Amino acid sequence: MKALARIYIALIIFFLYAPVAVMIVFSFNSSSSVWVFEGFSLDWYTGLVSDTLMLNALEHTLIIAVMSAVISTVLGTAAAVGITAIRNKFSKKAIMSVTQIPMMNADIVTGISLMLLFIFIGKIIGLKESLGFFTVLIAHITFNLPYVILSVLPKLRQTNSNLREAALDLGCNPVQAFFKVIMPSISTGIITGFIMAFTLSLDDFVISYFTCGHYQTLPIIIYSMTKKSVKPDAYALSTIIFVAVFVLLILYNMIQTKNEKRKMPVRQV
């Protein structure tokens, strides 16, 4: 049984990462062929410097990803604190059900509904172009919020409820009690929610496609290339993004492991 389990896990890892490995290998190919590796070269990486279309799309993507992750993390943490404070079980279940709708809903349904909403509001207030930077940002915040809330809620449940009252008794006001006592204990959940929101925003295509207007992100630019042929410098850029996210996750796991070791009680001999 152990051998079968290991084979099963190995197959899952293979099918998950084999396409990424192929992309990384061919990003160093000296030719534009996606079938034959003719030789090692960094031409596609150096060529990114002169590809203004790709770089502009990357800039748009990073701006949206960072801003949506920061805003959704702040709003999601506040929402999680508010949901935890609700005592009525029916109200709490109803709010949690509404919160999970963007996660369960199909991306194409969310994208089309948000597009119609933004166009409707734009016509009411008399905008010439209803879709653009702010509509993409709002759309990304919308689908990121549930993931942040669900990342912070378990940490809030694990936090001792008496800590806040103790901080208030010692002279803190409610805001100081949150930042000095509650926030450090749920920091891992907040960081997890931020990283998840950032990576989801970085990767999103469907919702961005319906709400972007002329403000195009990297996934949309790459999709437009597939109608003809994807340039190999897209492989190079995708490789850089993959490595950056991979390193970020490793650093986060290292920090989380160190924090867990510090919290472990010291055994007395």
C-alpha atoms as a PDB file:
ATOM      1  CA  MET A   1       0.000   0.000   0.000  1.00  0.00           C
ATOM      2  CA  LYS A   2       2.859   2.398   0.805  1.00  0.00           C
ATOM      3  CA  ALA A   3       4.414   1.754  -2.612  1.00  0.00           C
ATOM      4  CA  LEU A   4       1.107   2.490  -4.358  1.00  0.00           C
ATOM      5  CA  ALA A   5       0.675   5.666  -2.312  1.00  0.00           C
ATOM      6  CA  ARG A   6       4.160   6.840  -3.293  1.00  0.00           C
ATOM      7  CA  ILE A   7       3.511   6.079  -6.967  1.00  0.00           C
ATOM      8  CA  TYR A   8       0.206   7.962  -6.775  1.00  0.00           C
ATOM      9  CA  ILE A   9       1.863  11.019  -5.197  1.00  0.00           C
ATOM     10  CA  ALA A  10       4.709  10.866  -7.742  1.00  0.00           C
ATOM     11  CA  LEU A  11       2.215  10.830 -10.637  1.00  0.00           C
ATOM     12  CA  ILE A  12       0.330  13.810  -9.189  1.00  0.00           C
ATOM     13  CA  ILE A  13       3.564  15.793  -8.809  1.00  0.00           C
ATOM     14  CA  PHE A  14       4.639  14.797 -12.328  1.00  0.00           C
ATOM     15  CA  PHE A  15       1.400  15.937 -13.997  1.00  0.00           C
ATOM     16  CA  LEU A  16       1.402  19.169 -11.978  1.00  0.00           C
ATOM     17  CA  TYR A  17       4.985  20.221 -12.638  1.00  0.00           C
ATOM     18  CA  ALA A  18       5.918  18.556 -15.947  1.00  0.00           C
ATOM     19  CA  PRO A  19       4.320  21.365 -18.029  1.00  0.00           C
ATOM     20  CA  VAL A  20       6.157  23.978 -15.934  1.00  0.00           C
ATOM     21  CA  ALA A  21       9.442  22.095 -16.387  1.00  0.00           C
ATOM     22  CA  VAL A  22       8.948  21.986 -20.171  1.00  0.00           C
ATOM     23  CA  MET A  23       8.242  25.714 -20.225  1.00  0.00           C
ATOM     24  CA  ILE A  24      11.378  26.468 -18.199  1.00  0.00           C
ATOM     25  CA  VAL A  25      13.552  24.279 -20.449  1.00  0.00           C
ATOM     26  CA  PHE A  26      12.296  25.846 -23.695  1.00  0.00           C
ATOM     27  CA  SER A  27      12.699  29.359 -22.277  1.00  0.00           C
ATOM     28  CA  PHE A  28      16.447  28.696 -22.658  1.00  0.00           C
ATOM     29  CA  ASN A  29      16.119  27.348 -26.197  1.00  0.00           C
ATOM     30  CA  SER A  30      18.236  29.136 -28.809  1.00  0.00           C
ATOM     31  CA  SER A  31      15.442  28.869 -31.394  1.00  0.00           C
ATOM     32  CA  SER A  32      11.713  29.582 -31.301  1.00  0.00           C
ATOM     33  CA  SER A  33      10.874  25.899 -31.739  1.00  0.00           C
ATOM     34  CA  VAL A  34       8.645  24.271 -29.127  1.00  0.00           C
ATOM     35  CA  TRP A  35       9.526  20.778 -30.346  1.00  0.00           C
ATOM     36  CA  VAL A  36      13.312  20.648 -30.621  1.00  0.00           C
ATOM     37  CA  PHE A  37      15.797  22.044 -28.112  1.00  0.00           C
ATOM     38  CA  GLU A  38      18.561  23.316 -30.405  1.00  0.00           C
ATOM     39  CA  GLY A  39      20.869  24.817 -27.797  1.00  0.00           C
ATOM     40  CA  PHE A  40      21.154  26.790 -24.582  1.00  0.00           C
ATOM     41  CA  SER A  41      20.643  30.558 -24.878  1.00  0.00           C
ATOM     42  CA  LEU A  42      19.528  33.565 -22.799  1.00  0.00           C
ATOM     43  CA  ASP A  43      18.282  35.479 -25.847  1.00  0.00           C
ATOM     44  CA  TRP A  44      14.630  35.305 -24.824  1.00  0.00           C
ATOM     45  CA  TYR A  45      15.423  36.722 -21.380  1.00  0.00           C
ATOM     46  CA  THR A  46      17.480  39.596 -22.773  1.00  0.00           C
ATOM     47  CA  GLY A  47      14.797  40.197 -25.397  1.00  0.00           C
ATOM     48  CA  LEU A  48      12.261  40.954 -22.674  1.00  0.00           C
ATOM     49  CA  VAL A  49      13.955  44.311 -22.067  1.00  0.00           C
ATOM     50  CA  SER A  50      12.890  45.570 -25.505  1.00  0.00           C
ATOM     51  CA  ASP A  51       9.402  44.015 -25.470  1.00  0.00           C
ATOM     52  CA  THR A  52       7.425  47.039 -24.262  1.00  0.00           C
ATOM     53  CA  LEU A  53       4.034  45.357 -24.753  1.00  0.00           C
ATOM     54  CA  MET A  54       4.951  42.480 -22.454  1.00  0.00           C
ATOM     55  CA  LEU A  55       6.603  44.714 -19.866  1.00  0.00           C
ATOM     56  CA  ASN A  56       3.631  47.086 -19.753  1.00  0.00           C
ATOM     57  CA  ALA A  57       1.286  44.142 -19.278  1.00  0.00           C
ATOM     58  CA  LEU A  58       3.521  42.818 -16.499  1.00  0.00           C
ATOM     59  CA  GLU A  59       3.503  46.236 -14.813  1.00  0.00           C
ATOM     60  CA  HIS A  60      -0.299  46.369 -14.989  1.00  0.00           C
ATOM     61  CA  THR A  61      -0.545  42.849 -13.586  1.00  0.00           C
ATOM     62  CA  LEU A  62       1.789  43.542 -10.655  1.00  0.00           C
ATOM     63  CA  ILE A  63       0.049  46.823  -9.785  1.00  0.00           C
ATOM     64  CA  ILE A  64      -3.357  45.137  -9.752  1.00  0.00           C
ATOM     65  CA  ALA A  65      -2.047  42.093  -7.842  1.00  0.00           C
ATOM     66  CA  VAL A  66      -0.332  44.120  -5.109  1.00  0.00           C
ATOM     67  CA  MET A  67      -3.125  46.662  -4.651  1.00  0.00           C
ATOM     68  CA  SER A  68      -5.924  44.086  -4.688  1.00  0.00           C
ATOM     69  CA  ALA A  69      -4.006  41.829  -2.283  1.00  0.00           C
ATOM     70  CA  VAL A  70      -3.355  44.679   0.178  1.00  0.00           C
ATOM     71  CA  ILE A  71      -6.928  46.028   0.074  1.00  0.00           C
ATOM     72  CA  SER A  72      -8.567  42.592   0.231  1.00  0.00           C
ATOM     73  CA  THR A  73      -6.277  41.606   3.122  1.00  0.00           C
ATOM     74  CA  VAL A  74      -7.277  44.685   5.128  1.00  0.00           C
ATOM     75  CA  LEU A  75     -10.987  44.301   4.348  1.00  0.00           C
ATOM     76  CA  GLY A  76     -10.917  40.516   4.753  1.00  0.00           C
ATOM     77  CA  THR A  77      -9.204  40.696   8.154  1.00  0.00           C
ATOM     78  CA  ALA A  78     -11.728  43.284   9.364  1.00  0.00           C
ATOM     79  CA  ALA A  79     -14.577  41.136   8.034  1.00  0.00           C
ATOM     80  CA  ALA A  80     -13.203  38.023   9.757  1.00  0.00           C
ATOM     81  CA  VAL A  81     -13.004  39.896  13.072  1.00  0.00           C
ATOM     82  CA  GLY A  82     -16.575  41.093  12.603  1.00  0.00           C
ATOM     83  CA  ILE A  83     -17.849  37.604  11.726  1.00  0.00           C
ATOM     84  CA  THR A  84     -16.125  36.155  14.808  1.00  0.00           C
ATOM     85  CA  ALA A  85     -17.841  38.743  17.019  1.00  0.00           C
ATOM     86  CA  ILE A  86     -21.329  37.731  15.801  1.00  0.00           C
ATOM     87  CA  ARG A  87     -23.090  35.628  18.418  1.00  0.00           C
ATOM     88  CA  ASN A  88     -26.211  34.664  16.489  1.00  0.00           C
ATOM     89  CA  LYS A  89     -25.488  31.322  14.789  1.00  0.00           C
ATOM     90  CA  PHE A  90     -28.072  31.816  12.027  1.00  0.00           C
ATOM     91  CA  SER A  91     -26.687  35.242  11.102  1.00  0.00           C
ATOM     92  CA  LYS A  92     -23.130  33.909  11.123  1.00  0.00           C
ATOM     93  CA  LYS A  93     -24.023  30.969   8.849  1.00  0.00           C
ATOM     94  CA  ALA A  94     -25.900  33.279   6.479  1.00  0.00           C
ATOM     95  CA  ILE A  95     -22.931  35.666   6.232  1.00  0.00           C
ATOM     96  CA  MET A  96     -20.489  32.778   5.687  1.00  0.00           C
ATOM     97  CA  SER A  97     -22.712  31.376   2.924  1.00  0.00           C
ATOM     98  CA  VAL A  98     -22.778  34.752   1.174  1.00  0.00           C
ATOM     99  CA  THR A  99     -19.016  35.074   1.639  1.00  0.00           C
ATOM    100  CA  GLN A 100     -18.355  31.758  -0.111  1.00  0.00           C
ATOM    101  CA  ILE A 101     -20.487  32.550  -3.186  1.00  0.00           C
ATOM    102  CA  PRO A 102     -17.605  34.196  -5.151  1.00  0.00           C
ATOM    103  CA  MET A 103     -15.501  31.068  -4.521  1.00  0.00           C
ATOM    104  CA  MET A 104     -18.185  28.612  -5.620  1.00  0.00           C
ATOM    105  CA  ASN A 105     -19.464  30.709  -8.513  1.00  0.00           C
ATOM    106  CA  ALA A 106     -18.037  30.109 -11.998  1.00  0.00           C
ATOM    107  CA  ASP A 107     -15.468  32.717 -13.042  1.00  0.00           C
ATOM    108  CA  ILE A 108     -17.291  33.431 -16.295  1.00  0.00           C
ATOM    109  CA  VAL A 109     -20.522  34.183 -14.407  1.00  0.00           C
ATOM    110  CA  THR A 110     -18.680  36.488 -11.993  1.00  0.00           C
ATOM    111  CA  GLY A 111     -16.863  38.201 -14.864  1.00  0.00           C
ATOM    112  CA  ILE A 112     -19.973  38.819 -16.966  1.00  0.00           C
ATOM    113  CA  SER A 113     -22.059  40.010 -13.999  1.00  0.00           C
ATOM    114  CA  LEU A 114     -19.341  42.435 -12.867  1.00  0.00           C
ATOM    115  CA  MET A 115     -18.920  43.702 -16.444  1.00  0.00           C
ATOM    116  CA  LEU A 116     -22.649  44.422 -16.731  1.00  0.00           C
ATOM    117  CA  LEU A 117     -22.645  46.134 -13.331  1.00  0.00           C
ATOM    118  CA  PHE A 118     -19.692  48.360 -14.203  1.00  0.00           C
ATOM    119  CA  ILE A 119     -21.161  49.309 -17.600  1.00  0.00           C
ATOM    120  CA  PHE A 120     -24.538  50.078 -15.997  1.00  0.00           C
ATOM    121  CA  ILE A 121     -22.952  52.311 -13.328  1.00  0.00           C
ATOM    122  CA  GLY A 122     -20.718  53.945 -15.953  1.00  0.00           C
ATOM    123  CA  LYS A 123     -23.723  54.868 -18.085  1.00  0.00           C
ATOM    124  CA  ILE A 124     -25.540  56.321 -15.073  1.00  0.00           C
ATOM    125  CA  ILE A 125     -22.653  58.606 -14.063  1.00  0.00           C
ATOM    126  CA  GLY A 126     -21.846  59.444 -17.694  1.00  0.00           C
ATOM    127  CA  LEU A 127     -18.438  57.827 -18.187  1.00  0.00           C
ATOM    128  CA  LYS A 128     -17.119  57.509 -21.733  1.00  0.00           C
ATOM    129  CA  GLU A 129     -15.271  54.288 -20.860  1.00  0.00           C
ATOM    130  CA  SER A 130     -16.870  52.197 -18.141  1.00  0.00           C
ATOM    131  CA  LEU A 131     -14.119  49.570 -17.946  1.00  0.00           C
ATOM    132  CA  GLY A 132     -10.505  50.148 -17.006  1.00  0.00           C
ATOM    133  CA  PHE A 133      -8.032  50.063 -14.128  1.00  0.00           C
ATOM    134  CA  PHE A 134     -10.512  50.598 -11.296  1.00  0.00           C
ATOM    135  CA  THR A 135     -12.996  48.013 -12.568  1.00  0.00           C
ATOM    136  CA  VAL A 136     -10.247  45.362 -12.747  1.00  0.00           C
ATOM    137  CA  LEU A 137      -9.078  46.333  -9.254  1.00  0.00           C
ATOM    138  CA  ILE A 138     -12.592  46.109  -7.783  1.00  0.00           C
ATOM    139  CA  ALA A 139     -13.191  42.778  -9.534  1.00  0.00           C
ATOM    140  CA  HIS A 140      -9.967  41.300  -8.130  1.00  0.00           C
ATOM    141  CA  ILE A 141     -10.782  42.529  -4.625  1.00  0.00           C
ATOM    142  CA  THR A 142     -14.207  40.904  -4.946  1.00  0.00           C
ATOM    143  CA  PHE A 143     -12.928  37.394  -5.663  1.00  0.00           C
ATOM    144  CA  ASN A 144      -9.939  37.715  -3.293  1.00  0.00           C
ATOM    145  CA  LEU A 145     -11.945  38.660  -0.200  1.00  0.00           C
ATOM    146  CA  PRO A 146     -13.401  35.190   0.582  1.00  0.00           C
ATOM    147  CA  TYR A 147      -9.939  33.584   0.509  1.00  0.00           C
ATOM    148  CA  VAL A 148      -8.559  36.143   2.959  1.00  0.00           C
ATOM    149  CA  ILE A 149     -11.542  35.752   5.278  1.00  0.00           C
ATOM    150  CA  LEU A 150     -11.242  31.954   5.282  1.00  0.00           C
ATOM    151  CA  SER A 151      -7.492  32.228   5.972  1.00  0.00           C
ATOM    152  CA  VAL A 152      -7.920  34.554   8.969  1.00  0.00           C
ATOM    153  CA  LEU A 153     -11.006  32.981  10.579  1.00  0.00           C
ATOM    154  CA  PRO A 154      -9.275  29.760  11.801  1.00  0.00           C
ATOM    155  CA  LYS A 155      -6.526  31.817  13.470  1.00  0.00           C
ATOM    156  CA  LEU A 156      -9.130  33.965  15.204  1.00  0.00           C
ATOM    157  CA  ARG A 157     -10.890  30.835  16.478  1.00  0.00           C
ATOM    158  CA  GLN A 158      -7.577  29.547  17.869  1.00  0.00           C
ATOM    159  CA  THR A 159      -6.909  32.842  19.677  1.00  0.00           C
ATOM    160  CA  ASN A 160      -7.827  32.997  23.357  1.00  0.00           C
ATOM    161  CA  SER A 161     -10.924  35.184  23.663  1.00  0.00           C
ATOM    162  CA  ASN A 162      -9.746  36.493  27.029  1.00  0.00           C
ATOM    163  CA  LEU A 163      -6.669  38.192  25.525  1.00  0.00           C
ATOM    164  CA  ARG A 164      -8.648  41.171  24.252  1.00  0.00           C
ATOM    165  CA  GLU A 165     -10.424  41.680  27.587  1.00  0.00           C
ATOM    166  CA  ALA A 166      -7.108  41.458  29.409  1.00  0.00           C
ATOM    167  CA  ALA A 167      -5.582  44.086  27.116  1.00  0.00           C
ATOM    168  CA  LEU A 168      -8.577  46.371  27.705  1.00  0.00           C
ATOM    169  CA  ASP A 169      -8.263  45.929  31.471  1.00  0.00           C
ATOM    170  CA  LEU A 170      -4.578  46.879  31.258  1.00  0.00           C
ATOM    171  CA  GLY A 171      -5.386  50.218  29.621  1.00  0.00           C
ATOM    172  CA  CYS A 172      -5.541  49.550  25.879  1.00  0.00           C
ATOM    173  CA  ASN A 173      -8.371  50.929  23.808  1.00  0.00           C
ATOM    174  CA  PRO A 174     -10.088  48.524  21.343  1.00  0.00           C
ATOM    175  CA  VAL A 175      -7.827  49.561  18.436  1.00  0.00           C
ATOM    176  CA  GLN A 176      -4.635  49.153  20.496  1.00  0.00           C
ATOM    177  CA  ALA A 177      -5.875  45.793  21.809  1.00  0.00           C
ATOM    178  CA  PHE A 178      -6.317  44.534  18.259  1.00  0.00           C
ATOM    179  CA  PHE A 179      -2.933  45.675  16.922  1.00  0.00           C
ATOM    180  CA  LYS A 180      -0.916  44.743  20.028  1.00  0.00           C
ATOM    181  CA  VAL A 181      -2.609  41.485  21.053  1.00  0.00           C
ATOM    182  CA  ILE A 182      -4.930  40.019  18.410  1.00  0.00           C
ATOM    183  CA  MET A 183      -3.013  40.869  15.249  1.00  0.00           C
ATOM    184  CA  PRO A 184       0.295  39.172  16.270  1.00  0.00           C
ATOM    185  CA  SER A 185      -1.578  35.940  17.051  1.00  0.00           C
ATOM    186  CA  ILE A 186      -3.341  35.878  13.656  1.00  0.00           C
ATOM    187  CA  SER A 187      -0.401  37.213  11.611  1.00  0.00           C
ATOM    188  CA  THR A 188       0.231  33.864   9.891  1.00  0.00           C
ATOM    189  CA  GLY A 189      -3.378  33.772   8.670  1.00  0.00           C
ATOM    190  CA  ILE A 190      -3.110  37.351   7.409  1.00  0.00           C
ATOM    191  CA  ILE A 191       0.130  36.608   5.541  1.00  0.00           C
ATOM    192  CA  THR A 192      -1.370  33.427   4.078  1.00  0.00           C
ATOM    193  CA  GLY A 193      -4.412  35.362   2.892  1.00  0.00           C
ATOM    194  CA  PHE A 194      -2.221  38.058   1.343  1.00  0.00           C
ATOM    195  CA  ILE A 195      -0.056  35.552  -0.550  1.00  0.00           C
ATOM    196  CA  MET A 196      -3.117  33.659  -1.773  1.00  0.00           C
ATOM    197  CA  ALA A 197      -4.805  36.880  -2.899  1.00  0.00           C
ATOM    198  CA  PHE A 198      -1.635  38.014  -4.666  1.00  0.00           C
ATOM    199  CA  THR A 199      -1.134  34.740  -6.553  1.00  0.00           C
ATOM    200  CA  LEU A 200      -4.826  34.471  -7.523  1.00  0.00           C
ATOM    201  CA  SER A 201      -4.800  38.036  -8.839  1.00  0.00           C
ATOM    202  CA  LEU A 202      -1.541  37.434 -10.692  1.00  0.00           C
ATOM    203  CA  ASP A 203      -3.007  34.372 -12.386  1.00  0.00           C
ATOM    204  CA  ASP A 204      -6.546  35.554 -13.146  1.00  0.00           C
ATOM    205  CA  PHE A 205      -7.683  35.693 -16.750  1.00  0.00           C
ATOM    206  CA  VAL A 206     -11.443  35.169 -17.090  1.00  0.00           C
ATOM    207  CA  ILE A 207     -12.677  37.908 -14.741  1.00  0.00           C
ATOM    208  CA  SER A 208      -9.965  40.315 -15.900  1.00  0.00           C
ATOM    209  CA  TYR A 209     -10.909  39.663 -19.535  1.00  0.00           C
ATOM    210  CA  PHE A 210     -14.490  40.851 -18.990  1.00  0.00           C
ATOM    211  CA  THR A 211     -13.659  43.866 -16.813  1.00  0.00           C
ATOM    212  CA  CYS A 212     -10.374  45.222 -18.217  1.00  0.00           C
ATOM    213  CA  GLY A 213     -11.440  47.405 -21.155  1.00  0.00           C
ATOM    214  CA  HIS A 214      -8.196  48.827 -22.578  1.00  0.00           C
ATOM    215  CA  TYR A 215      -6.255  48.078 -19.365  1.00  0.00           C
ATOM    216  CA  GLN A 216      -4.799  44.703 -20.315  1.00  0.00           C
ATOM    217  CA  THR A 217      -2.951  42.402 -17.932  1.00  0.00           C
ATOM    218  CA  LEU A 218      -0.315  39.794 -18.715  1.00  0.00           C
ATOM    219  CA  PRO A 219      -2.668  36.755 -18.938  1.00  0.00           C
ATOM    220  CA  ILE A 220      -4.818  38.654 -21.453  1.00  0.00           C
ATOM    221  CA  ILE A 221      -1.797  39.587 -23.587  1.00  0.00           C
ATOM    222  CA  ILE A 222      -0.552  35.987 -23.578  1.00  0.00           C
ATOM    223  CA  TYR A 223      -4.035  34.738 -24.491  1.00  0.00           C
ATOM    224  CA  SER A 224      -4.152  37.125 -27.459  1.00  0.00           C
ATOM    225  CA  MET A 225      -0.834  35.612 -28.629  1.00  0.00           C
ATOM    226  CA  THR A 226      -2.324  32.106 -28.728  1.00  0.00           C
ATOM    227  CA  LYS A 227      -4.485  33.132 -31.699  1.00  0.00           C
ATOM    228  CA  LYS A 228      -1.264  33.309 -33.734  1.00  0.00           C
ATOM    229  CA  SER A 229       1.741  31.961 -31.821  1.00  0.00           C
ATOM    230  CA  VAL A 230       3.128  32.529 -28.363  1.00  0.00           C
ATOM    231  CA  LYS A 231       6.522  34.214 -28.437  1.00  0.00           C
ATOM    232  CA  PRO A 232       9.274  32.358 -26.582  1.00  0.00           C
ATOM    233  CA  ASP A 233       9.947  35.470 -24.487  1.00  0.00           C
ATOM    234  CA  ALA A 234       6.570  34.730 -22.870  1.00  0.00           C
ATOM    235  CA  TYR A 235       8.129  31.456 -21.646  1.00  0.00           C
ATOM    236  CA  ALA A 236      11.014  33.443 -20.161  1.00  0.00           C
ATOM    237  CA  LEU A 237       8.708  35.896 -18.400  1.00  0.00           C
ATOM    238  CA  SER A 238       6.486  33.092 -17.097  1.00  0.00           C
ATOM    239  CA  THR A 239       9.583  31.310 -15.787  1.00  0.00           C
ATOM    240  CA  ILE A 240      10.692  34.431 -13.910  1.00  0.00           C
ATOM    241  CA  ILE A 241       7.243  34.821 -12.356  1.00  0.00           C
ATOM    242  CA  PHE A 242       7.111  31.139 -11.384  1.00  0.00           C
ATOM    243  CA  VAL A 243      10.545  31.264  -9.729  1.00  0.00           C
ATOM    244  CA  ALA A 244       9.660  34.493  -7.878  1.00  0.00           C
ATOM    245  CA  VAL A 245       6.408  33.043  -6.496  1.00  0.00           C
ATOM    246  CA  PHE A 246       8.148  29.761  -5.644  1.00  0.00           C
ATOM    247  CA  VAL A 247      10.887  31.576  -3.694  1.00  0.00           C
ATOM    248  CA  LEU A 248       8.244  33.689  -1.940  1.00  0.00           C
ATOM    249  CA  LEU A 249       6.390  30.576  -0.792  1.00  0.00           C
ATOM    250  CA  ILE A 250       9.614  28.939   0.443  1.00  0.00           C
ATOM    251  CA  LEU A 251      10.517  32.047   2.463  1.00  0.00           C
ATOM    252  CA  TYR A 252       7.019  32.180   3.925  1.00  0.00           C
ATOM    253  CA  ASN A 253       7.157  28.500   4.940  1.00  0.00           C
ATOM    254  CA  MET A 254      10.558  29.056   6.572  1.00  0.00           C
ATOM    255  CA  ILE A 255       9.255  32.038   8.550  1.00  0.00           C
ATOM    256  CA  GLN A 256       6.129  30.122   9.582  1.00  0.00           C
ATOM    257  CA  THR A 257       8.226  27.137  10.737  1.00  0.00           C
ATOM    258  CA  LYS A 258      10.444  29.417  12.846  1.00  0.00           C
ATOM    259  CA  ASN A 259       7.393  31.070  14.422  1.00  0.00           C
ATOM    260  CA  GLU A 260       5.871  27.683  15.277  1.00  0.00           C
ATOM    261  CA  LYS A 261       9.138  26.582  16.914  1.00  0.00           C
ATOM    262  CA  ARG A 262       9.221  29.748  19.002  1.00  0.00           C
ATOM    263  CA  LYS A 263       5.650  29.158  20.178  1.00  0.00           C
ATOM    264  CA  MET A 264       6.400  25.568  21.235  1.00  0.00           C
ATOM    265  CA  PRO A 265       6.596  25.260  25.025  1.00  0.00           C
ATOM    266  CA  VAL A 266      10.052  24.610  26.440  1.00  0.00           C
ATOM    267  CA  ARG A 267      10.310  21.256  28.203  1.00  0.00           C
ATOM    268  CA  GLN A 268      11.569  21.430  31.723  1.00  0.00           C
ATOM    269  CA  VAL A 269      14.083  18.791  32.729  1.00  0.00           C
END
